[in-house]
Amino acid sequence: MDEEPRGKVDRVAILYIVGGVPAIVLFLTVVFALARSCNFPA
């Protein structure tokens, strides 16, 4: 029975999760704040 290879957890993956997710949230927050301040329709 073949087992699928599991993904390894390395520094790049941890940095992507720890740094990337907050960066995406911050980017979306800034975009929506700018859109609201300029009265763009949603």
C-alpha atoms as a PDB file:
ATOM      1  CA  MET A   1       0.000   0.000   0.000  1.00  0.00           C
ATOM      2  CA  ASP A   2       1.500   3.323  -1.072  1.00  0.00           C
ATOM      3  CA  GLU A   3       1.441   6.250   1.312  1.00  0.00           C
ATOM      4  CA  GLU A   4       1.401   9.782  -0.021  1.00  0.00           C
ATOM      5  CA  PRO A   5       4.499  11.796   0.900  1.00  0.00           C
ATOM      6  CA  ARG A   6       3.760  14.339   3.583  1.00  0.00           C
ATOM      7  CA  GLY A   7       4.882  17.943   3.199  1.00  0.00           C
ATOM      8  CA  LYS A   8       7.857  18.957   5.281  1.00  0.00           C
ATOM      9  CA  VAL A   9       7.687  21.882   7.670  1.00  0.00           C
ATOM     10  CA  ASP A  10      10.641  24.182   7.191  1.00  0.00           C
ATOM     11  CA  ARG A  11      11.544  27.781   7.961  1.00  0.00           C
ATOM     12  CA  VAL A  12      10.147  29.080   4.674  1.00  0.00           C
ATOM     13  CA  ALA A  13       6.732  27.520   5.319  1.00  0.00           C
ATOM     14  CA  ILE A  14       6.612  28.855   8.882  1.00  0.00           C
ATOM     15  CA  LEU A  15       7.663  32.349   7.757  1.00  0.00           C
ATOM     16  CA  TYR A  16       5.044  32.260   5.000  1.00  0.00           C
ATOM     17  CA  ILE A  17       2.291  31.425   7.483  1.00  0.00           C
ATOM     18  CA  VAL A  18       3.475  33.753  10.270  1.00  0.00           C
ATOM     19  CA  GLY A  19       4.344  36.672   7.992  1.00  0.00           C
ATOM     20  CA  GLY A  20       2.162  36.148   4.956  1.00  0.00           C
ATOM     21  CA  VAL A  21      -1.264  35.826   6.527  1.00  0.00           C
ATOM     22  CA  PRO A  22      -0.999  39.039   8.606  1.00  0.00           C
ATOM     23  CA  ALA A  23       0.401  40.840   5.554  1.00  0.00           C
ATOM     24  CA  ILE A  24      -2.621  39.811   3.477  1.00  0.00           C
ATOM     25  CA  VAL A  25      -5.017  40.898   6.243  1.00  0.00           C
ATOM     26  CA  LEU A  26      -3.202  44.227   6.606  1.00  0.00           C
ATOM     27  CA  PHE A  27      -3.283  44.781   2.828  1.00  0.00           C
ATOM     28  CA  LEU A  28      -7.024  44.117   2.642  1.00  0.00           C
ATOM     29  CA  THR A  29      -7.653  46.390   5.624  1.00  0.00           C
ATOM     30  CA  VAL A  30      -5.720  49.230   3.987  1.00  0.00           C
ATOM     31  CA  VAL A  31      -7.470  48.730   0.640  1.00  0.00           C
ATOM     32  CA  PHE A  32     -10.929  48.804   2.214  1.00  0.00           C
ATOM     33  CA  ALA A  33     -10.025  51.809   4.396  1.00  0.00           C
ATOM     34  CA  LEU A  34      -8.824  53.740   1.341  1.00  0.00           C
ATOM     35  CA  ALA A  35     -11.940  52.766  -0.594  1.00  0.00           C
ATOM     36  CA  ARG A  36     -14.197  53.982   2.203  1.00  0.00           C
ATOM     37  CA  SER A  37     -12.297  57.239   2.639  1.00  0.00           C
ATOM     38  CA  CYS A  38     -12.566  57.976  -1.098  1.00  0.00           C
ATOM     39  CA  ASN A  39     -16.283  57.033  -1.167  1.00  0.00           C
ATOM     40  CA  PHE A  40     -15.837  54.280  -3.745  1.00  0.00           C
ATOM     41  CA  PRO A  41     -18.855  51.970  -4.016  1.00  0.00           C
ATOM     42  CA  ALA A  42     -18.263  48.493  -2.660  1.00  0.00           C
END
